[in-house]
PDB file of N, CA and C in Angstrom:
ATOM      1  N   MET A   1      18.179  26.242  18.392  1.00  0.00           N
ATOM      2  CA  MET A   1      18.034  25.835  16.829  1.00  0.00           C
ATOM      3  C   MET A   1      16.926  25.026  17.128  1.00  0.00           C
ATOM      4  N   ARG A   2      16.759  24.234  17.821  1.00  0.00           N
ATOM      5  CA  ARG A   2      15.474  23.302  18.198  1.00  0.00           C
ATOM      6  C   ARG A   2      14.059  24.215  18.087  1.00  0.00           C
ATOM      7  N   ARG A   3      14.515  25.063  18.665  1.00  0.00           N
ATOM      8  CA  ARG A   3      13.028  25.930  18.397  1.00  0.00           C
ATOM      9  C   ARG A   3      12.980  26.105  16.570  1.00  0.00           C
ATOM     10  N   LEU A   4      13.900  26.392  15.885  1.00  0.00           N
ATOM     11  CA  LEU A   4      13.492  26.532  14.721  1.00  0.00           C
ATOM     12  C   LEU A   4      13.121  25.459  14.077  1.00  0.00           C
ATOM     13  N   VAL A   5      13.730  24.551  14.322  1.00  0.00           N
ATOM     14  CA  VAL A   5      13.453  22.514  13.672  1.00  0.00           C
ATOM     15  C   VAL A   5      11.634  22.567  14.433  1.00  0.00           C
ATOM     16  N   VAL A   6      11.371  22.869  15.529  1.00  0.00           N
ATOM     17  CA  VAL A   6      10.509  22.921  15.265  1.00  0.00           C
ATOM     18  C   VAL A   6       9.283  23.662  14.636  1.00  0.00           C
ATOM     19  N   THR A   7       9.133  24.951  14.189  1.00  0.00           N
ATOM     20  CA  THR A   7       8.506  25.816  13.916  1.00  0.00           C
ATOM     21  C   THR A   7       9.134  25.467  12.085  1.00  0.00           C
ATOM     22  N   ALA A   8       9.716  24.846  11.869  1.00  0.00           N
ATOM     23  CA  ALA A   8       9.576  24.709  10.364  1.00  0.00           C
ATOM     24  C   ALA A   8       9.023  23.309  10.028  1.00  0.00           C
ATOM     25  N   CYS A   9       9.326  22.296  10.954  1.00  0.00           N
ATOM     26  CA  CYS A   9       8.044  21.131  10.874  1.00  0.00           C
ATOM     27  C   CYS A   9       6.688  21.225  11.252  1.00  0.00           C
ATOM     28  N   ALA A  10       6.103  22.465  12.047  1.00  0.00           N
ATOM     29  CA  ALA A  10       5.092  23.186  12.290  1.00  0.00           C
ATOM     30  C   ALA A  10       4.450  23.537  10.916  1.00  0.00           C
ATOM     31  N   VAL A  11       5.638  24.426  10.137  1.00  0.00           N
ATOM     32  CA  VAL A  11       4.940  25.107   9.204  1.00  0.00           C
ATOM     33  C   VAL A  11       4.756  24.252   8.011  1.00  0.00           C
ATOM     34  N   VAL A  12       5.574  23.219   7.786  1.00  0.00           N
ATOM     35  CA  VAL A  12       4.900  22.101   6.714  1.00  0.00           C
ATOM     36  C   VAL A  12       4.318  21.083   7.158  1.00  0.00           C
ATOM     37  N   LEU A  13       3.560  20.905   8.301  1.00  0.00           N
ATOM     38  CA  LEU A  13       2.775  20.095   8.646  1.00  0.00           C
ATOM     39  C   LEU A  13       1.425  21.034   8.549  1.00  0.00           C
ATOM     40  N   ALA A  14       1.232  22.321   8.873  1.00  0.00           N
ATOM     41  CA  ALA A  14       0.441  22.821   8.831  1.00  0.00           C
ATOM     42  C   ALA A  14      -0.058  23.141   6.714  1.00  0.00           C
ATOM     43  N   ALA A  15       0.678  23.541   6.211  1.00  0.00           N
ATOM     44  CA  ALA A  15       1.072  23.503   4.925  1.00  0.00           C
ATOM     45  C   ALA A  15       0.260  22.072   4.193  1.00  0.00           C
ATOM     46  N   CYS A  16       0.680  21.281   4.849  1.00  0.00           N
ATOM     47  CA  CYS A  16      -0.510  19.712   4.129  1.00  0.00           C
ATOM     48  C   CYS A  16      -1.625  19.449   4.851  1.00  0.00           C
ATOM     49  N   GLY A  17      -1.684  20.040   5.953  1.00  0.00           N
ATOM     50  CA  GLY A  17      -3.105  19.558   6.985  1.00  0.00           C
ATOM     51  C   GLY A  17      -4.509  20.134   6.124  1.00  0.00           C
ATOM     52  N   GLY A  18      -5.647  19.595   7.188  1.00  0.00           N
ATOM     53  CA  GLY A  18      -6.390  20.084   6.788  1.00  0.00           C
ATOM     54  C   GLY A  18      -7.229  19.177   6.221  1.00  0.00           C
ATOM     55  N   SER A  19      -8.754  19.422   6.283  1.00  0.00           N
ATOM     56  CA  SER A  19      -9.805  18.182   5.759  1.00  0.00           C
ATOM     57  C   SER A  19      -9.989  18.269   3.464  1.00  0.00           C
ATOM     58  N   ALA A  20      -9.808  17.415   3.090  1.00  0.00           N
ATOM     59  CA  ALA A  20     -10.029  17.677   2.108  1.00  0.00           C
ATOM     60  C   ALA A  20     -11.296  18.212   1.533  1.00  0.00           C
ATOM     61  N   GLY A  21     -12.292  18.258   1.894  1.00  0.00           N
ATOM     62  CA  GLY A  21     -13.214  18.901   1.748  1.00  0.00           C
ATOM     63  C   GLY A  21     -14.486  18.175   1.356  1.00  0.00           C
ATOM     64  N   PRO A  22     -16.146  18.422   1.638  1.00  0.00           N
ATOM     65  CA  PRO A  22     -16.682  17.864   1.148  1.00  0.00           C
ATOM     66  C   PRO A  22     -16.999  17.258  -0.112  1.00  0.00           C
ATOM     67  N   GLY A  23     -17.412  15.782  -0.146  1.00  0.00           N
ATOM     68  CA  GLY A  23     -17.749  15.398  -1.044  1.00  0.00           C
ATOM     69  C   GLY A  23     -16.394  14.669  -2.008  1.00  0.00           C
ATOM     70  N   LEU A  24     -15.439  14.527  -1.597  1.00  0.00           N
ATOM     71  CA  LEU A  24     -14.381  13.995  -2.412  1.00  0.00           C
ATOM     72  C   LEU A  24     -14.012  12.010  -1.563  1.00  0.00           C
ATOM     73  N   PRO A  25     -14.119  11.193  -2.134  1.00  0.00           N
ATOM     74  CA  PRO A  25     -14.573  10.218  -1.577  1.00  0.00           C
ATOM     75  C   PRO A  25     -12.869   9.868  -1.236  1.00  0.00           C
ATOM     76  N   GLY A  26     -13.129   8.871   0.178  1.00  0.00           N
ATOM     77  CA  GLY A  26     -12.487   8.313   0.765  1.00  0.00           C
ATOM     78  C   GLY A  26     -12.057   9.746   1.967  1.00  0.00           C
ATOM     79  N   SER A  27     -12.358  10.667   1.861  1.00  0.00           N
ATOM     80  CA  SER A  27     -11.781  11.771   2.974  1.00  0.00           C
ATOM     81  C   SER A  27     -12.087  11.431   4.361  1.00  0.00           C
ATOM     82  N   GLN A  28     -11.237  11.107   5.150  1.00  0.00           N
ATOM     83  CA  GLN A  28     -11.013  10.747   6.743  1.00  0.00           C
ATOM     84  C   GLN A  28     -10.789  12.056   7.407  1.00  0.00           C
ATOM     85  N   GLY A  29     -10.875  13.157   7.354  1.00  0.00           N
ATOM     86  CA  GLY A  29     -10.098  14.445   7.745  1.00  0.00           C
ATOM     87  C   GLY A  29      -9.169  14.418   8.101  1.00  0.00           C
ATOM     88  N   PRO A  30      -8.315  15.683   8.599  1.00  0.00           N
ATOM     89  CA  PRO A  30      -6.778  15.484   9.076  1.00  0.00           C
ATOM     90  C   PRO A  30      -5.712  14.564   9.138  1.00  0.00           C
ATOM     91  N   ALA A  31      -4.743  14.243   8.956  1.00  0.00           N
ATOM     92  CA  ALA A  31      -4.128  12.828   9.643  1.00  0.00           C
ATOM     93  C   ALA A  31      -3.706  13.333  10.582  1.00  0.00           C
ATOM     94  N   SER A  32      -3.226  12.389  11.878  1.00  0.00           N
ATOM     95  CA  SER A  32      -3.124  12.448  13.294  1.00  0.00           C
ATOM     96  C   SER A  32      -1.690  13.029  12.947  1.00  0.00           C
ATOM     97  N   ALA A  33      -1.359  13.734  14.194  1.00  0.00           N
ATOM     98  CA  ALA A  33       0.192  13.955  14.269  1.00  0.00           C
ATOM     99  C   ALA A  33       0.972  12.537  14.500  1.00  0.00           C
ATOM    100  N   GLN A  34       0.572  11.904  14.633  1.00  0.00           N
ATOM    101  CA  GLN A  34       1.457  10.636  15.248  1.00  0.00           C
ATOM    102  C   GLN A  34       1.354   9.796  13.866  1.00  0.00           C
ATOM    103  N   SER A  35       0.403   9.873  12.965  1.00  0.00           N
ATOM    104  CA  SER A  35       0.471   8.680  11.725  1.00  0.00           C
ATOM    105  C   SER A  35       1.359   9.932  10.969  1.00  0.00           C
ATOM    106  N   VAL A  36       1.620  11.322  11.113  1.00  0.00           N
ATOM    107  CA  VAL A  36       2.968  11.873   9.916  1.00  0.00           C
ATOM    108  C   VAL A  36       3.986  11.368  10.485  1.00  0.00           C
ATOM    109  N   ALA A  37       4.344  11.358  12.030  1.00  0.00           N
ATOM    110  CA  ALA A  37       5.475  11.386  12.392  1.00  0.00           C
ATOM    111  C   ALA A  37       5.820  10.205  12.382  1.00  0.00           C
ATOM    112  N   SER A  38       5.552   9.045  12.370  1.00  0.00           N
ATOM    113  CA  SER A  38       5.870   7.753  12.831  1.00  0.00           C
ATOM    114  C   SER A  38       6.206   6.929  11.691  1.00  0.00           C
ATOM    115  N   GLY A  39       6.884   7.313  10.584  1.00  0.00           N
ATOM    116  CA  GLY A  39       7.119   6.570   9.263  1.00  0.00           C
ATOM    117  C   GLY A  39       8.576   5.777   9.853  1.00  0.00           C
ATOM    118  N   SER A  40       8.549   4.826  10.884  1.00  0.00           N
ATOM    119  CA  SER A  40       9.724   4.226  11.501  1.00  0.00           C
ATOM    120  C   SER A  40      10.668   3.574   9.865  1.00  0.00           C
ATOM    121  N   SER A  41      10.081   3.164   8.640  1.00  0.00           N
ATOM    122  CA  SER A  41      10.787   2.700   7.597  1.00  0.00           C
ATOM    123  C   SER A  41      12.068   3.945   7.272  1.00  0.00           C
ATOM    124  N   ASP A  42      11.675   4.805   8.040  1.00  0.00           N
ATOM    125  CA  ASP A  42      12.977   5.951   7.431  1.00  0.00           C
ATOM    126  C   ASP A  42      14.050   5.733   8.109  1.00  0.00           C
ATOM    127  N   PHE A  43      13.874   4.880   9.093  1.00  0.00           N
ATOM    128  CA  PHE A  43      14.656   5.213  10.211  1.00  0.00           C
ATOM    129  C   PHE A  43      15.574   3.346  10.576  1.00  0.00           C
ATOM    130  N   THR A  44      15.552   2.619   9.955  1.00  0.00           N
ATOM    131  CA  THR A  44      15.816   1.425  10.119  1.00  0.00           C
ATOM    132  C   THR A  44      16.345   0.596  10.582  1.00  0.00           C
ATOM    133  N   ALA A  45      17.859   1.776  10.810  1.00  0.00           N
ATOM    134  CA  ALA A  45      19.083   0.916  11.469  1.00  0.00           C
ATOM    135  C   ALA A  45      18.811   1.673  13.276  1.00  0.00           C
ATOM    136  N   MET A  46      17.632   2.722  12.904  1.00  0.00           N
ATOM    137  CA  MET A  46      17.666   2.715  14.800  1.00  0.00           C
ATOM    138  C   MET A  46      16.636   2.578  15.073  1.00  0.00           C
ATOM    139  N   GLN A  47      16.290   2.785  16.375  1.00  0.00           N
ATOM    140  CA  GLN A  47      15.120   2.458  17.309  1.00  0.00           C
ATOM    141  C   GLN A  47      14.404   3.563  18.192  1.00  0.00           C
ATOM    142  N   LYS A  48      12.977   3.402  18.443  1.00  0.00           N
ATOM    143  CA  LYS A  48      12.428   4.007  18.862  1.00  0.00           C
ATOM    144  C   LYS A  48      12.570   4.195  20.496  1.00  0.00           C
ATOM    145  N   CYS A  49      13.070   5.705  20.661  1.00  0.00           N
ATOM    146  CA  CYS A  49      12.947   6.024  22.388  1.00  0.00           C
ATOM    147  C   CYS A  49      11.665   6.062  23.092  1.00  0.00           C
ATOM    148  N   PRO A  50      12.013   5.805  24.219  1.00  0.00           N
ATOM    149  CA  PRO A  50      10.603   5.279  25.239  1.00  0.00           C
ATOM    150  C   PRO A  50      10.271   7.205  25.240  1.00  0.00           C
ATOM    151  N   GLU A  51      10.764   7.805  25.417  1.00  0.00           N
ATOM    152  CA  GLU A  51      10.343   9.264  25.393  1.00  0.00           C
ATOM    153  C   GLU A  51       9.345   9.793  24.009  1.00  0.00           C
ATOM    154  N   SER A  52       9.316   8.986  23.082  1.00  0.00           N
ATOM    155  CA  SER A  52       8.265   9.580  22.285  1.00  0.00           C
ATOM    156  C   SER A  52       7.106   9.146  22.740  1.00  0.00           C
ATOM    157  N   GLY A  53       6.002  10.344  21.811  1.00  0.00           N
ATOM    158  CA  GLY A  53       4.836  10.460  22.522  1.00  0.00           C
ATOM    159  C   GLY A  53       4.041  11.885  21.823  1.00  0.00           C
ATOM    160  N   SER A  54       3.414  11.993  22.430  1.00  0.00           N
ATOM    161  CA  SER A  54       2.425  13.459  22.488  1.00  0.00           C
ATOM    162  C   SER A  54       3.361  14.416  23.342  1.00  0.00           C
ATOM    163  N   TYR A  55       3.527  15.758  22.605  1.00  0.00           N
ATOM    164  CA  TYR A  55       4.176  17.019  23.167  1.00  0.00           C
ATOM    165  C   TYR A  55       4.078  16.806  24.953  1.00  0.00           C
ATOM    166  N   GLU A  56       3.109  16.362  25.386  1.00  0.00           N
ATOM    167  CA  GLU A  56       2.597  16.414  26.735  1.00  0.00           C
ATOM    168  C   GLU A  56       3.897  15.056  27.111  1.00  0.00           C
ATOM    169  N   THR A  57       3.729  14.130  26.802  1.00  0.00           N
ATOM    170  CA  THR A  57       4.461  12.650  26.984  1.00  0.00           C
ATOM    171  C   THR A  57       6.137  13.073  26.798  1.00  0.00           C
ATOM    172  N   TYR A  58       6.474  13.643  25.944  1.00  0.00           N
ATOM    173  CA  TYR A  58       7.713  13.700  25.899  1.00  0.00           C
ATOM    174  C   TYR A  58       8.157  14.819  26.994  1.00  0.00           C
ATOM    175  N   LEU A  59       7.313  16.177  27.155  1.00  0.00           N
ATOM    176  CA  LEU A  59       7.491  17.128  28.462  1.00  0.00           C
ATOM    177  C   LEU A  59       7.784  16.488  29.343  1.00  0.00           C
ATOM    178  N   LYS A  60       7.080  15.280  30.085  1.00  0.00           N
ATOM    179  CA  LYS A  60       6.917  14.797  30.864  1.00  0.00           C
ATOM    180  C   LYS A  60       8.084  14.098  31.565  1.00  0.00           C
ATOM    181  N   ALA A  61       8.841  13.474  30.409  1.00  0.00           N
ATOM    182  CA  ALA A  61       9.983  12.833  30.266  1.00  0.00           C
ATOM    183  C   ALA A  61      11.245  13.499  30.150  1.00  0.00           C
ATOM    184  N   GLU A  62      11.143  14.824  29.434  1.00  0.00           N
ATOM    185  CA  GLU A  62      12.445  15.980  29.875  1.00  0.00           C
ATOM    186  C   GLU A  62      12.167  16.331  31.174  1.00  0.00           C
ATOM    187  N   GLN A  63      11.538  16.657  31.722  1.00  0.00           N
ATOM    188  CA  GLN A  63      11.279  17.689  32.660  1.00  0.00           C
ATOM    189  C   GLN A  63      12.175  17.210  34.032  1.00  0.00           C
ATOM    190  N   THR A  64      12.463  15.755  33.865  1.00  0.00           N
ATOM    191  CA  THR A  64      13.249  15.308  35.153  1.00  0.00           C
ATOM    192  C   THR A  64      14.507  15.202  34.547  1.00  0.00           C
ATOM    193  N   ALA A  65      14.757  14.628  33.293  1.00  0.00           N
ATOM    194  CA  ALA A  65      16.125  14.623  32.545  1.00  0.00           C
ATOM    195  C   ALA A  65      16.795  16.463  33.007  1.00  0.00           C
ATOM    196  N   ASP A  66      16.308  17.293  32.093  1.00  0.00           N
ATOM    197  CA  ASP A  66      16.585  18.281  31.939  1.00  0.00           C
ATOM    198  C   ASP A  66      15.612  19.768  32.139  1.00  0.00           C
ATOM    199  N   PRO A  67      15.701  19.827  33.153  1.00  0.00           N
ATOM    200  CA  PRO A  67      14.570  20.800  33.789  1.00  0.00           C
ATOM    201  C   PRO A  67      15.201  22.544  33.004  1.00  0.00           C
ATOM    202  N   ALA A  68      16.269  22.762  32.775  1.00  0.00           N
ATOM    203  CA  ALA A  68      16.293  23.978  31.899  1.00  0.00           C
ATOM    204  C   ALA A  68      15.704  23.979  30.453  1.00  0.00           C
ATOM    205  N   GLN A  69      16.231  22.842  30.031  1.00  0.00           N
ATOM    206  CA  GLN A  69      15.147  22.571  28.260  1.00  0.00           C
ATOM    207  C   GLN A  69      14.067  22.344  28.635  1.00  0.00           C
ATOM    208  N   TYR A  70      13.820  21.763  29.728  1.00  0.00           N
ATOM    209  CA  TYR A  70      11.963  21.683  29.783  1.00  0.00           C
ATOM    210  C   TYR A  70      11.501  22.287  29.784  1.00  0.00           C
ATOM    211  N   GLN A  71      11.713  23.854  30.395  1.00  0.00           N
ATOM    212  CA  GLN A  71      11.218  25.120  30.858  1.00  0.00           C
ATOM    213  C   GLN A  71      11.040  25.617  28.988  1.00  0.00           C
ATOM    214  N   THR A  72      11.895  25.694  28.351  1.00  0.00           N
ATOM    215  CA  THR A  72      12.055  26.043  26.844  1.00  0.00           C
ATOM    216  C   THR A  72      10.897  25.417  26.348  1.00  0.00           C
ATOM    217  N   GLU A  73      11.106  23.895  26.014  1.00  0.00           N
ATOM    218  CA  GLU A  73      10.421  23.097  25.029  1.00  0.00           C
ATOM    219  C   GLU A  73       8.711  23.755  25.827  1.00  0.00           C
ATOM    220  N   LYS A  74       8.582  23.535  27.039  1.00  0.00           N
ATOM    221  CA  LYS A  74       7.203  23.852  27.377  1.00  0.00           C
ATOM    222  C   LYS A  74       6.818  25.237  26.728  1.00  0.00           C
ATOM    223  N   THR A  75       7.469  26.275  26.756  1.00  0.00           N
ATOM    224  CA  THR A  75       7.184  27.555  26.629  1.00  0.00           C
ATOM    225  C   THR A  75       6.952  27.696  24.362  1.00  0.00           C
ATOM    226  N   THR A  76       7.901  26.489  24.192  1.00  0.00           N
ATOM    227  CA  THR A  76       7.719  26.276  22.727  1.00  0.00           C
ATOM    228  C   THR A  76       6.673  25.489  22.605  1.00  0.00           C
ATOM    229  N   TRP A  77       5.790  24.907  23.237  1.00  0.00           N
ATOM    230  CA  TRP A  77       4.989  23.947  23.336  1.00  0.00           C
ATOM    231  C   TRP A  77       3.299  25.003  23.445  1.00  0.00           C
ATOM    232  N   ASP A  78       3.441  25.542  24.420  1.00  0.00           N
ATOM    233  CA  ASP A  78       2.396  26.782  25.174  1.00  0.00           C
ATOM    234  C   ASP A  78       2.041  27.931  23.790  1.00  0.00           C
ATOM    235  N   ASP A  79       2.849  28.347  23.251  1.00  0.00           N
ATOM    236  CA  ASP A  79       3.085  29.162  21.668  1.00  0.00           C
ATOM    237  C   ASP A  79       2.649  28.330  20.238  1.00  0.00           C
ATOM    238  N   LEU A  80       2.853  27.520  20.482  1.00  0.00           N
ATOM    239  CA  LEU A  80       2.351  26.628  19.188  1.00  0.00           C
ATOM    240  C   LEU A  80       1.075  26.309  19.812  1.00  0.00           C
ATOM    241  N   LYS A  81       0.640  25.865  20.885  1.00  0.00           N
ATOM    242  CA  LYS A  81      -1.243  26.151  20.964  1.00  0.00           C
ATOM    243  C   LYS A  81      -2.114  27.278  21.074  1.00  0.00           C
ATOM    244  N   ALA A  82      -0.888  28.161  21.684  1.00  0.00           N
ATOM    245  CA  ALA A  82      -1.898  29.646  21.415  1.00  0.00           C
ATOM    246  C   ALA A  82      -2.033  30.168  19.965  1.00  0.00           C
ATOM    247  N   ALA A  83      -1.499  29.395  18.836  1.00  0.00           N
ATOM    248  CA  ALA A  83      -0.974  29.542  17.844  1.00  0.00           C
ATOM    249  C   ALA A  83      -2.089  28.295  17.070  1.00  0.00           C
ATOM    250  N   GLY A  84      -2.708  27.446  17.674  1.00  0.00           N
ATOM    251  CA  GLY A  84      -3.817  26.848  16.959  1.00  0.00           C
ATOM    252  C   GLY A  84      -3.513  25.395  17.019  1.00  0.00           C
ATOM    253  N   ALA A  85      -2.288  25.113  17.382  1.00  0.00           N
ATOM    254  CA  ALA A  85      -1.834  24.011  17.455  1.00  0.00           C
ATOM    255  C   ALA A  85      -2.572  22.960  18.046  1.00  0.00           C
ATOM    256  N   ASN A  86      -3.308  21.677  17.580  1.00  0.00           N
ATOM    257  CA  ASN A  86      -4.351  20.904  18.277  1.00  0.00           C
ATOM    258  C   ASN A  86      -4.023  19.684  18.159  1.00  0.00           C
ATOM    259  N   ASP A  87      -2.839  18.991  17.909  1.00  0.00           N
ATOM    260  CA  ASP A  87      -2.266  17.687  18.220  1.00  0.00           C
ATOM    261  C   ASP A  87      -0.997  17.716  17.620  1.00  0.00           C
ATOM    262  N   SER A  88      -0.212  16.927  18.630  1.00  0.00           N
ATOM    263  CA  SER A  88       1.597  16.939  18.279  1.00  0.00           C
ATOM    264  C   SER A  88       2.149  15.469  18.653  1.00  0.00           C
ATOM    265  N   TYR A  89       3.077  15.592  18.526  1.00  0.00           N
ATOM    266  CA  TYR A  89       3.459  13.931  18.061  1.00  0.00           C
ATOM    267  C   TYR A  89       5.324  14.250  18.146  1.00  0.00           C
ATOM    268  N   ILE A  90       5.608  13.947  19.289  1.00  0.00           N
ATOM    269  CA  ILE A  90       7.137  13.975  18.617  1.00  0.00           C
ATOM    270  C   ILE A  90       7.594  12.375  18.785  1.00  0.00           C
ATOM    271  N   VAL A  91       8.807  11.891  17.872  1.00  0.00           N
ATOM    272  CA  VAL A  91       8.994  10.391  18.082  1.00  0.00           C
ATOM    273  C   VAL A  91      10.871  10.701  17.816  1.00  0.00           C
ATOM    274  N   VAL A  92      11.917  10.039  18.820  1.00  0.00           N
ATOM    275  CA  VAL A  92      12.592   9.911  18.708  1.00  0.00           C
ATOM    276  C   VAL A  92      13.413   8.646  18.268  1.00  0.00           C
ATOM    277  N   TYR A  93      14.230   9.066  17.280  1.00  0.00           N
ATOM    278  CA  TYR A  93      14.938   7.693  17.031  1.00  0.00           C
ATOM    279  C   TYR A  93      16.571   7.492  17.358  1.00  0.00           C
ATOM    280  N   ALA A  94      17.415   6.714  17.757  1.00  0.00           N
ATOM    281  CA  ALA A  94      18.259   6.411  18.525  1.00  0.00           C
ATOM    282  C   ALA A  94      18.981   5.082  17.420  1.00  0.00           C
ATOM    283  N   GLU A  95      20.505   5.238  17.395  1.00  0.00           N
ATOM    284  CA  GLU A  95      21.456   4.306  16.764  1.00  0.00           C
ATOM    285  C   GLU A  95      21.346   3.327  17.854  1.00  0.00           C
ATOM    286  N   LYS A  96      21.862   3.960  18.930  1.00  0.00           N
ATOM    287  CA  LYS A  96      22.317   3.412  20.871  1.00  0.00           C
ATOM    288  C   LYS A  96      21.323   3.865  21.976  1.00  0.00           C
ATOM    289  N   THR A  97      20.633   2.365  22.039  1.00  0.00           N
ATOM    290  CA  THR A  97      20.058   2.928  23.800  1.00  0.00           C
ATOM    291  C   THR A  97      19.919   4.030  24.661  1.00  0.00           C
ATOM    292  N   SER A  98      21.512   4.150  24.585  1.00  0.00           N
ATOM    293  CA  SER A  98      21.979   4.846  25.481  1.00  0.00           C
ATOM    294  C   SER A  98      21.745   6.281  25.654  1.00  0.00           C
ATOM    295  N   ASP A  99      21.524   6.370  23.981  1.00  0.00           N
ATOM    296  CA  ASP A  99      21.419   7.695  23.378  1.00  0.00           C
ATOM    297  C   ASP A  99      19.940   8.012  23.615  1.00  0.00           C
ATOM    298  N   CYS A 100      18.783   7.308  24.232  1.00  0.00           N
ATOM    299  CA  CYS A 100      17.660   8.136  24.296  1.00  0.00           C
ATOM    300  C   CYS A 100      17.746   8.466  25.988  1.00  0.00           C
ATOM    301  N   GLY A 101      16.530   9.511  26.086  1.00  0.00           N
ATOM    302  CA  GLY A 101      16.687  10.373  26.901  1.00  0.00           C
ATOM    303  C   GLY A 101      17.336  11.333  27.212  1.00  0.00           C
ATOM    304  N   GLN A 102      18.412  11.699  26.365  1.00  0.00           N
ATOM    305  CA  GLN A 102      19.705  12.696  26.760  1.00  0.00           C
ATOM    306  C   GLN A 102      19.034  14.469  26.826  1.00  0.00           C
ATOM    307  N   PHE A 103      17.477  14.532  25.642  1.00  0.00           N
ATOM    308  CA  PHE A 103      17.582  15.618  25.427  1.00  0.00           C
ATOM    309  C   PHE A 103      18.636  16.380  24.902  1.00  0.00           C
ATOM    310  N   ALA A 104      18.709  17.790  25.343  1.00  0.00           N
ATOM    311  CA  ALA A 104      19.237  18.535  24.690  1.00  0.00           C
ATOM    312  C   ALA A 104      20.824  18.285  26.001  1.00  0.00           C
ATOM    313  N   SER A 105      20.945  17.975  26.947  1.00  0.00           N
ATOM    314  CA  SER A 105      21.887  17.684  28.437  1.00  0.00           C
ATOM    315  C   SER A 105      23.374  16.619  28.059  1.00  0.00           C
ATOM    316  N   GLY A 106      23.136  16.100  27.044  1.00  0.00           N
ATOM    317  CA  GLY A 106      24.338  15.108  26.339  1.00  0.00           C
ATOM    318  C   GLY A 106      24.396  15.490  25.027  1.00  0.00           C
ATOM    319  N   THR A 107      25.788  14.649  24.435  1.00  0.00           N
ATOM    320  CA  THR A 107      26.048  14.233  23.395  1.00  0.00           C
ATOM    321  C   THR A 107      25.921  12.834  22.857  1.00  0.00           C
ATOM    322  N   PRO A 108      25.241  12.493  21.994  1.00  0.00           N
ATOM    323  CA  PRO A 108      25.151  10.936  21.840  1.00  0.00           C
ATOM    324  C   PRO A 108      26.105  10.573  21.488  1.00  0.00           C
ATOM    325  N   SER A 109      26.285   9.521  21.175  1.00  0.00           N
ATOM    326  CA  SER A 109      27.842   8.593  21.030  1.00  0.00           C
ATOM    327  C   SER A 109      27.625   7.955  19.392  1.00  0.00           C
ATOM    328  N   GLY A 110      25.947   7.720  19.214  1.00  0.00           N
ATOM    329  CA  GLY A 110      25.579   7.298  18.068  1.00  0.00           C
ATOM    330  C   GLY A 110      24.553   8.818  17.087  1.00  0.00           C
ATOM    331  N   LYS A 111      23.647   8.007  16.006  1.00  0.00           N
ATOM    332  CA  LYS A 111      22.659   8.587  15.540  1.00  0.00           C
ATOM    333  C   LYS A 111      21.664   8.805  16.128  1.00  0.00           C
ATOM    334  N   VAL A 112      21.112  10.124  16.062  1.00  0.00           N
ATOM    335  CA  VAL A 112      19.910  10.118  16.550  1.00  0.00           C
ATOM    336  C   VAL A 112      18.872  11.522  15.937  1.00  0.00           C
ATOM    337  N   ALA A 113      17.534  11.058  15.351  1.00  0.00           N
ATOM    338  CA  ALA A 113      16.826  11.646  14.644  1.00  0.00           C
ATOM    339  C   ALA A 113      15.578  11.955  15.738  1.00  0.00           C
ATOM    340  N   TYR A 114      15.094  13.115  15.623  1.00  0.00           N
ATOM    341  CA  TYR A 114      14.143  13.799  16.503  1.00  0.00           C
ATOM    342  C   TYR A 114      13.039  14.164  15.361  1.00  0.00           C
ATOM    343  N   VAL A 115      11.522  13.570  15.227  1.00  0.00           N
ATOM    344  CA  VAL A 115      10.892  14.460  14.440  1.00  0.00           C
ATOM    345  C   VAL A 115       9.369  14.995  15.313  1.00  0.00           C
ATOM    346  N   TYR A 116       9.222  16.062  15.069  1.00  0.00           N
ATOM    347  CA  TYR A 116       8.454  16.791  15.928  1.00  0.00           C
ATOM    348  C   TYR A 116       7.306  16.815  14.674  1.00  0.00           C
ATOM    349  N   ALA A 117       6.069  16.716  14.880  1.00  0.00           N
ATOM    350  CA  ALA A 117       4.530  16.460  13.889  1.00  0.00           C
ATOM    351  C   ALA A 117       3.955  17.658  14.692  1.00  0.00           C
ATOM    352  N   ILE A 118       3.183  18.707  14.564  1.00  0.00           N
ATOM    353  CA  ILE A 118       2.285  19.660  15.013  1.00  0.00           C
ATOM    354  C   ILE A 118       1.263  19.745  14.048  1.00  0.00           C
ATOM    355  N   ARG A 119       0.011  19.318  14.509  1.00  0.00           N
ATOM    356  CA  ARG A 119      -1.374  19.746  13.682  1.00  0.00           C
ATOM    357  C   ARG A 119      -1.891  21.089  14.197  1.00  0.00           C
ATOM    358  N   PHE A 120      -2.446  22.108  13.352  1.00  0.00           N
ATOM    359  CA  PHE A 120      -3.160  22.949  13.702  1.00  0.00           C
ATOM    360  C   PHE A 120      -4.537  22.663  13.206  1.00  0.00           C
ATOM    361  N   LYS A 121      -5.205  23.718  13.833  1.00  0.00           N
ATOM    362  CA  LYS A 121      -7.101  23.996  13.487  1.00  0.00           C
ATOM    363  C   LYS A 121      -6.835  24.486  12.223  1.00  0.00           C
TER     364      LYS A 121
END
């Protein structure tokens, strides 16, 4: 299920990405994955978890907490990079700090939101 969510987010971000083209005033190039994923106002009653960051940062945190899930997520990230992904950001918001860092190994006791933003070339 998580792979489906990641893929869906990647497709949406790819559809929204790209540069605005030459000659358009105010064109700054494509948005970073972090700027797309970091809309904390969407999760006002929740706090940002420390495993949030680039896909690599997230994988490092996951590797020790849940090695089996880490391998699945690493394969997904490798596949996305092979398909042209060049920027990523994963942000995790949790209602309770005890729900941070659980990855797929536990059942949260409160609300948890995972936001995956992947930018493609």
